Amino acid sequence: MNLIGAFPLFKIVISRLKCILLFAFNVIKAHISFSGYSSIDRSGGKCTTRYDTSLGLLTRRFVTLLKESEDGVVDLNVASNTLGVQKRRIYDITNVLEGIGILEKKSKNNIQWK
């Protein structure tokens, strides 16, 4: 593949990385904030695809579930059933949050705040 053919792919990869970084920033900001999610800055760098928007909404719901749980521990099966989504979508969220150091696995299907 030549450079011209690779450029559109490069733009897509960079765009997705920007979305992931914005997502991680907003999750960290929400985690630090004690006033809830109203303090998240939604004005800049917004990802406009339906997938990114729905994943962001699901992440907010998941983090709320995590904050309301006893000892900050959530069973992923329970989270999947409570939020009404496939377990794979929950894994998408937990993998990103683990990757940026916010969550850790407590046991096979349980995660907790670090």
N, C-alpha and C. Protein backbone atom coordinates (compact mmCIF):
# COMPACT_ATOMS: atom_id res chain seq x y z
N MET A 1 0.85 -1.18 0.00
CA MET A 1 0.00 0.00 0.00
C MET A 1 0.89 1.23 0.00
N ASN A 2 0.62 2.15 -0.91
CA ASN A 2 1.42 3.38 -0.97
C ASN A 2 0.95 4.39 0.07
N LEU A 3 1.71 5.46 0.18
CA LEU A 3 1.42 6.49 1.18
C LEU A 3 0.06 7.14 0.95
N ILE A 4 -0.29 7.39 -0.31
CA ILE A 4 -1.58 8.02 -0.62
C ILE A 4 -2.72 7.10 -0.21
N GLY A 5 -2.59 5.80 -0.48
CA GLY A 5 -3.63 4.85 -0.09
C GLY A 5 -3.73 4.67 1.42
N ALA A 6 -2.61 4.84 2.11
CA ALA A 6 -2.59 4.65 3.56
C ALA A 6 -3.10 5.87 4.31
N PHE A 7 -3.05 7.04 3.69
CA PHE A 7 -3.41 8.27 4.38
C PHE A 7 -4.84 8.27 4.95
N PRO A 8 -5.87 7.86 4.17
CA PRO A 8 -7.22 7.84 4.76
C PRO A 8 -7.31 6.92 5.97
N LEU A 9 -6.62 5.80 5.92
CA LEU A 9 -6.60 4.88 7.06
C LEU A 9 -5.93 5.54 8.26
N PHE A 10 -4.84 6.26 8.00
CA PHE A 10 -4.13 6.98 9.05
C PHE A 10 -5.04 8.01 9.70
N LYS A 11 -5.82 8.75 8.88
CA LYS A 11 -6.74 9.74 9.42
C LYS A 11 -7.79 9.09 10.32
N ILE A 12 -8.28 7.93 9.92
CA ILE A 12 -9.28 7.21 10.71
C ILE A 12 -8.69 6.77 12.04
N VAL A 13 -7.45 6.23 12.01
CA VAL A 13 -6.80 5.79 13.24
C VAL A 13 -6.58 6.96 14.18
N ILE A 14 -6.10 8.08 13.66
CA ILE A 14 -5.88 9.26 14.49
C ILE A 14 -7.20 9.76 15.08
N SER A 15 -8.25 9.76 14.28
CA SER A 15 -9.57 10.19 14.75
C SER A 15 -10.05 9.30 15.89
N ARG A 16 -9.89 7.99 15.75
CA ARG A 16 -10.32 7.06 16.80
C ARG A 16 -9.50 7.25 18.07
N LEU A 17 -8.18 7.48 17.92
CA LEU A 17 -7.34 7.71 19.08
C LEU A 17 -7.76 8.98 19.83
N LYS A 18 -8.12 10.03 19.09
CA LYS A 18 -8.61 11.25 19.72
C LYS A 18 -9.87 10.96 20.53
N CYS A 19 -10.77 10.17 19.96
CA CYS A 19 -12.01 9.83 20.66
C CYS A 19 -11.73 9.03 21.92
N ILE A 20 -10.81 8.09 21.84
CA ILE A 20 -10.46 7.27 23.01
C ILE A 20 -9.85 8.14 24.10
N LEU A 21 -8.95 9.04 23.72
CA LEU A 21 -8.34 9.93 24.72
C LEU A 21 -9.36 10.87 25.34
N LEU A 22 -10.27 11.41 24.55
CA LEU A 22 -11.33 12.26 25.08
C LEU A 22 -12.22 11.48 26.04
N PHE A 23 -12.56 10.25 25.65
CA PHE A 23 -13.36 9.36 26.49
C PHE A 23 -12.66 9.13 27.83
N ALA A 24 -11.36 8.79 27.78
CA ALA A 24 -10.60 8.52 29.00
C ALA A 24 -10.53 9.77 29.87
N PHE A 25 -10.31 10.93 29.26
CA PHE A 25 -10.26 12.18 30.01
C PHE A 25 -11.57 12.45 30.73
N ASN A 26 -12.69 12.26 30.04
CA ASN A 26 -14.00 12.51 30.65
C ASN A 26 -14.30 11.54 31.77
N VAL A 27 -13.88 10.28 31.63
CA VAL A 27 -14.10 9.30 32.70
C VAL A 27 -13.29 9.68 33.92
N ILE A 28 -12.03 10.06 33.71
CA ILE A 28 -11.18 10.48 34.84
C ILE A 28 -11.76 11.71 35.51
N LYS A 29 -12.19 12.68 34.71
CA LYS A 29 -12.76 13.91 35.26
C LYS A 29 -14.03 13.60 36.07
N ALA A 30 -14.86 12.68 35.57
CA ALA A 30 -16.08 12.31 36.29
C ALA A 30 -15.75 11.56 37.57
N HIS A 31 -14.72 10.75 37.53
CA HIS A 31 -14.32 9.98 38.71
C HIS A 31 -13.81 10.90 39.82
N ILE A 32 -13.08 11.93 39.44
CA ILE A 32 -12.52 12.87 40.41
C ILE A 32 -13.60 13.80 40.97
N SER A 33 -14.56 14.16 40.14
CA SER A 33 -15.60 15.11 40.53
C SER A 33 -16.56 14.47 41.52
N PHE A 34 -16.86 15.16 42.59
CA PHE A 34 -17.82 14.66 43.57
C PHE A 34 -19.23 15.15 43.30
N SER A 35 -19.38 16.04 42.33
CA SER A 35 -20.69 16.59 42.05
C SER A 35 -21.43 15.83 40.96
N GLY A 36 -20.89 14.71 40.52
CA GLY A 36 -21.55 13.92 39.49
C GLY A 36 -21.08 14.28 38.11
N TYR A 37 -21.87 13.93 37.11
CA TYR A 37 -21.45 14.09 35.73
C TYR A 37 -21.77 15.43 35.13
N SER A 38 -22.41 16.31 35.87
CA SER A 38 -22.74 17.61 35.30
C SER A 38 -21.49 18.45 35.06
N SER A 39 -20.38 18.09 35.67
CA SER A 39 -19.17 18.88 35.49
C SER A 39 -18.34 18.47 34.29
N ILE A 40 -18.74 17.43 33.57
CA ILE A 40 -17.99 17.00 32.40
C ILE A 40 -18.14 18.02 31.29
N ASP A 41 -17.03 18.43 30.69
CA ASP A 41 -17.06 19.38 29.60
C ASP A 41 -17.45 18.65 28.32
N ARG A 42 -18.62 18.95 27.81
CA ARG A 42 -19.10 18.30 26.60
C ARG A 42 -18.99 19.21 25.38
N SER A 43 -18.35 20.36 25.53
CA SER A 43 -18.36 21.34 24.45
C SER A 43 -17.30 21.10 23.39
N GLY A 44 -16.21 20.46 23.72
CA GLY A 44 -15.13 20.35 22.74
C GLY A 44 -14.79 18.93 22.37
N GLY A 45 -14.35 18.73 21.14
CA GLY A 45 -13.83 17.46 20.69
C GLY A 45 -14.80 16.31 20.72
N LYS A 46 -16.04 16.57 20.46
CA LYS A 46 -17.07 15.55 20.57
C LYS A 46 -17.00 14.55 19.42
N CYS A 47 -17.08 13.25 19.71
CA CYS A 47 -17.17 12.23 18.68
C CYS A 47 -18.63 12.17 18.23
N THR A 48 -18.86 12.17 16.96
CA THR A 48 -20.22 12.31 16.48
C THR A 48 -20.86 11.02 15.99
N THR A 49 -20.13 9.91 16.00
CA THR A 49 -20.74 8.68 15.51
C THR A 49 -21.71 8.14 16.55
N ARG A 50 -22.71 7.42 16.07
CA ARG A 50 -23.70 6.84 16.98
C ARG A 50 -23.05 5.85 17.93
N TYR A 51 -22.10 5.09 17.44
CA TYR A 51 -21.43 4.10 18.28
C TYR A 51 -20.71 4.75 19.44
N ASP A 52 -19.93 5.80 19.16
CA ASP A 52 -19.20 6.48 20.23
C ASP A 52 -20.13 7.13 21.22
N THR A 53 -21.20 7.71 20.75
CA THR A 53 -22.16 8.35 21.64
C THR A 53 -22.82 7.33 22.55
N SER A 54 -23.23 6.21 22.00
CA SER A 54 -23.90 5.21 22.82
C SER A 54 -22.93 4.56 23.80
N LEU A 55 -21.70 4.37 23.40
CA LEU A 55 -20.70 3.81 24.31
C LEU A 55 -20.42 4.78 25.45
N GLY A 56 -20.39 6.07 25.12
CA GLY A 56 -20.18 7.07 26.17
C GLY A 56 -21.31 7.08 27.18
N LEU A 57 -22.53 6.98 26.69
CA LEU A 57 -23.69 6.94 27.57
C LEU A 57 -23.67 5.68 28.43
N LEU A 58 -23.35 4.55 27.82
CA LEU A 58 -23.27 3.30 28.57
C LEU A 58 -22.17 3.37 29.63
N THR A 59 -21.06 4.03 29.30
CA THR A 59 -19.97 4.17 30.27
C THR A 59 -20.42 4.99 31.46
N ARG A 60 -21.14 6.06 31.21
CA ARG A 60 -21.65 6.87 32.32
C ARG A 60 -22.57 6.05 33.22
N ARG A 61 -23.43 5.27 32.60
CA ARG A 61 -24.34 4.41 33.38
C ARG A 61 -23.55 3.35 34.16
N PHE A 62 -22.51 2.80 33.54
CA PHE A 62 -21.69 1.80 34.21
C PHE A 62 -20.94 2.40 35.39
N VAL A 63 -20.37 3.59 35.21
CA VAL A 63 -19.63 4.25 36.30
C VAL A 63 -20.58 4.59 37.44
N THR A 64 -21.80 5.01 37.12
CA THR A 64 -22.81 5.28 38.15
C THR A 64 -23.11 4.00 38.93
N LEU A 65 -23.27 2.90 38.21
CA LEU A 65 -23.52 1.61 38.86
C LEU A 65 -22.35 1.24 39.76
N LEU A 66 -21.15 1.49 39.31
CA LEU A 66 -19.95 1.19 40.09
C LEU A 66 -19.87 2.05 41.34
N LYS A 67 -20.21 3.34 41.20
CA LYS A 67 -20.18 4.24 42.37
C LYS A 67 -21.23 3.87 43.41
N GLU A 68 -22.37 3.35 42.95
CA GLU A 68 -23.45 3.00 43.88
C GLU A 68 -23.30 1.63 44.50
N SER A 69 -22.35 0.84 44.03
CA SER A 69 -22.18 -0.52 44.55
C SER A 69 -21.47 -0.52 45.90
N GLU A 70 -21.68 -1.61 46.63
CA GLU A 70 -21.02 -1.74 47.92
C GLU A 70 -19.53 -1.94 47.71
N ASP A 71 -18.71 -1.23 48.43
CA ASP A 71 -17.26 -1.33 48.38
C ASP A 71 -16.67 -1.06 47.00
N GLY A 72 -17.44 -0.48 46.08
CA GLY A 72 -16.93 -0.18 44.75
C GLY A 72 -16.63 -1.40 43.90
N VAL A 73 -17.26 -2.53 44.20
CA VAL A 73 -17.05 -3.77 43.46
C VAL A 73 -18.31 -4.11 42.68
N VAL A 74 -18.14 -4.45 41.40
CA VAL A 74 -19.29 -4.79 40.55
C VAL A 74 -19.03 -6.13 39.86
N ASP A 75 -20.04 -6.99 39.89
CA ASP A 75 -20.02 -8.24 39.13
C ASP A 75 -20.40 -7.89 37.70
N LEU A 76 -19.58 -8.29 36.74
CA LEU A 76 -19.82 -7.92 35.35
C LEU A 76 -21.09 -8.56 34.79
N ASN A 77 -21.47 -9.73 35.26
CA ASN A 77 -22.72 -10.36 34.83
C ASN A 77 -23.92 -9.56 35.30
N VAL A 78 -23.86 -9.11 36.54
CA VAL A 78 -24.94 -8.28 37.09
C VAL A 78 -25.01 -6.95 36.35
N ALA A 79 -23.85 -6.34 36.08
CA ALA A 79 -23.82 -5.07 35.35
C ALA A 79 -24.42 -5.23 33.96
N SER A 80 -24.08 -6.32 33.29
CA SER A 80 -24.61 -6.59 31.96
C SER A 80 -26.13 -6.71 31.98
N ASN A 81 -26.66 -7.43 32.95
CA ASN A 81 -28.11 -7.60 33.07
C ASN A 81 -28.80 -6.30 33.48
N THR A 82 -28.21 -5.59 34.43
CA THR A 82 -28.80 -4.35 34.92
C THR A 82 -28.87 -3.28 33.83
N LEU A 83 -27.80 -3.18 33.04
CA LEU A 83 -27.74 -2.16 31.99
C LEU A 83 -28.39 -2.62 30.69
N GLY A 84 -28.73 -3.90 30.62
CA GLY A 84 -29.42 -4.43 29.46
C GLY A 84 -28.58 -4.47 28.19
N VAL A 85 -27.30 -4.79 28.35
CA VAL A 85 -26.39 -4.87 27.20
C VAL A 85 -25.63 -6.19 27.23
N GLN A 86 -25.01 -6.51 26.10
CA GLN A 86 -24.18 -7.71 26.05
C GLN A 86 -22.95 -7.52 26.92
N LYS A 87 -22.47 -8.62 27.46
CA LYS A 87 -21.29 -8.57 28.32
C LYS A 87 -20.09 -8.02 27.55
N ARG A 88 -20.05 -8.24 26.24
CA ARG A 88 -18.95 -7.74 25.41
C ARG A 88 -18.84 -6.21 25.50
N ARG A 89 -19.98 -5.50 25.55
CA ARG A 89 -19.95 -4.04 25.68
C ARG A 89 -19.40 -3.62 27.04
N ILE A 90 -19.72 -4.39 28.08
CA ILE A 90 -19.16 -4.11 29.41
C ILE A 90 -17.65 -4.30 29.39
N TYR A 91 -17.18 -5.35 28.70
CA TYR A 91 -15.74 -5.59 28.57
C TYR A 91 -15.06 -4.44 27.82
N ASP A 92 -15.71 -3.89 26.81
CA ASP A 92 -15.15 -2.74 26.08
C ASP A 92 -14.84 -1.61 27.05
N ILE A 93 -15.78 -1.36 27.94
CA ILE A 93 -15.62 -0.27 28.91
C ILE A 93 -14.54 -0.61 29.93
N THR A 94 -14.62 -1.80 30.52
CA THR A 94 -13.67 -2.16 31.57
C THR A 94 -12.24 -2.25 31.04
N ASN A 95 -12.06 -2.68 29.80
CA ASN A 95 -10.71 -2.77 29.23
C ASN A 95 -10.08 -1.39 29.11
N VAL A 96 -10.85 -0.40 28.68
CA VAL A 96 -10.32 0.96 28.58
C VAL A 96 -10.02 1.51 29.97
N LEU A 97 -10.94 1.32 30.91
CA LEU A 97 -10.75 1.85 32.26
C LEU A 97 -9.59 1.16 32.97
N GLU A 98 -9.39 -0.14 32.71
CA GLU A 98 -8.22 -0.84 33.26
C GLU A 98 -6.95 -0.30 32.63
N GLY A 99 -7.01 -0.07 31.33
CA GLY A 99 -5.83 0.40 30.60
C GLY A 99 -5.34 1.76 31.08
N ILE A 100 -6.24 2.62 31.51
CA ILE A 100 -5.82 3.94 31.99
C ILE A 100 -5.66 3.97 33.51
N GLY A 101 -5.79 2.79 34.15
CA GLY A 101 -5.46 2.67 35.56
C GLY A 101 -6.54 3.07 36.55
N ILE A 102 -7.79 3.05 36.14
CA ILE A 102 -8.88 3.43 37.05
C ILE A 102 -9.49 2.21 37.73
N LEU A 103 -9.58 1.11 36.99
CA LEU A 103 -10.18 -0.11 37.51
C LEU A 103 -9.15 -1.21 37.61
N GLU A 104 -9.48 -2.22 38.41
CA GLU A 104 -8.67 -3.44 38.46
C GLU A 104 -9.60 -4.63 38.67
N LYS A 105 -9.16 -5.79 38.20
CA LYS A 105 -9.95 -7.00 38.39
C LYS A 105 -9.74 -7.50 39.80
N LYS A 106 -10.84 -7.76 40.48
CA LYS A 106 -10.76 -8.32 41.82
C LYS A 106 -10.76 -9.84 41.72
N SER A 107 -11.61 -10.37 40.86
CA SER A 107 -11.66 -11.80 40.56
C SER A 107 -12.16 -11.94 39.13
N LYS A 108 -12.50 -13.14 38.71
CA LYS A 108 -12.84 -13.40 37.33
C LYS A 108 -13.89 -12.45 36.76
N ASN A 109 -15.01 -12.27 37.41
CA ASN A 109 -16.09 -11.43 36.91
C ASN A 109 -16.35 -10.20 37.76
N ASN A 110 -15.43 -9.87 38.64
CA ASN A 110 -15.60 -8.72 39.52
C ASN A 110 -14.51 -7.70 39.29
N ILE A 111 -14.92 -6.43 39.21
CA ILE A 111 -13.95 -5.33 39.08
C ILE A 111 -14.20 -4.33 40.19
N GLN A 112 -13.19 -3.50 40.46
CA GLN A 112 -13.32 -2.48 41.50
C GLN A 112 -12.46 -1.28 41.15
N TRP A 113 -12.77 -0.15 41.81
CA TRP A 113 -11.94 1.04 41.67
C TRP A 113 -10.56 0.73 42.20
N LYS A 114 -9.55 1.35 41.61
CA LYS A 114 -8.18 1.20 42.13
C LYS A 114 -7.98 2.12 43.30
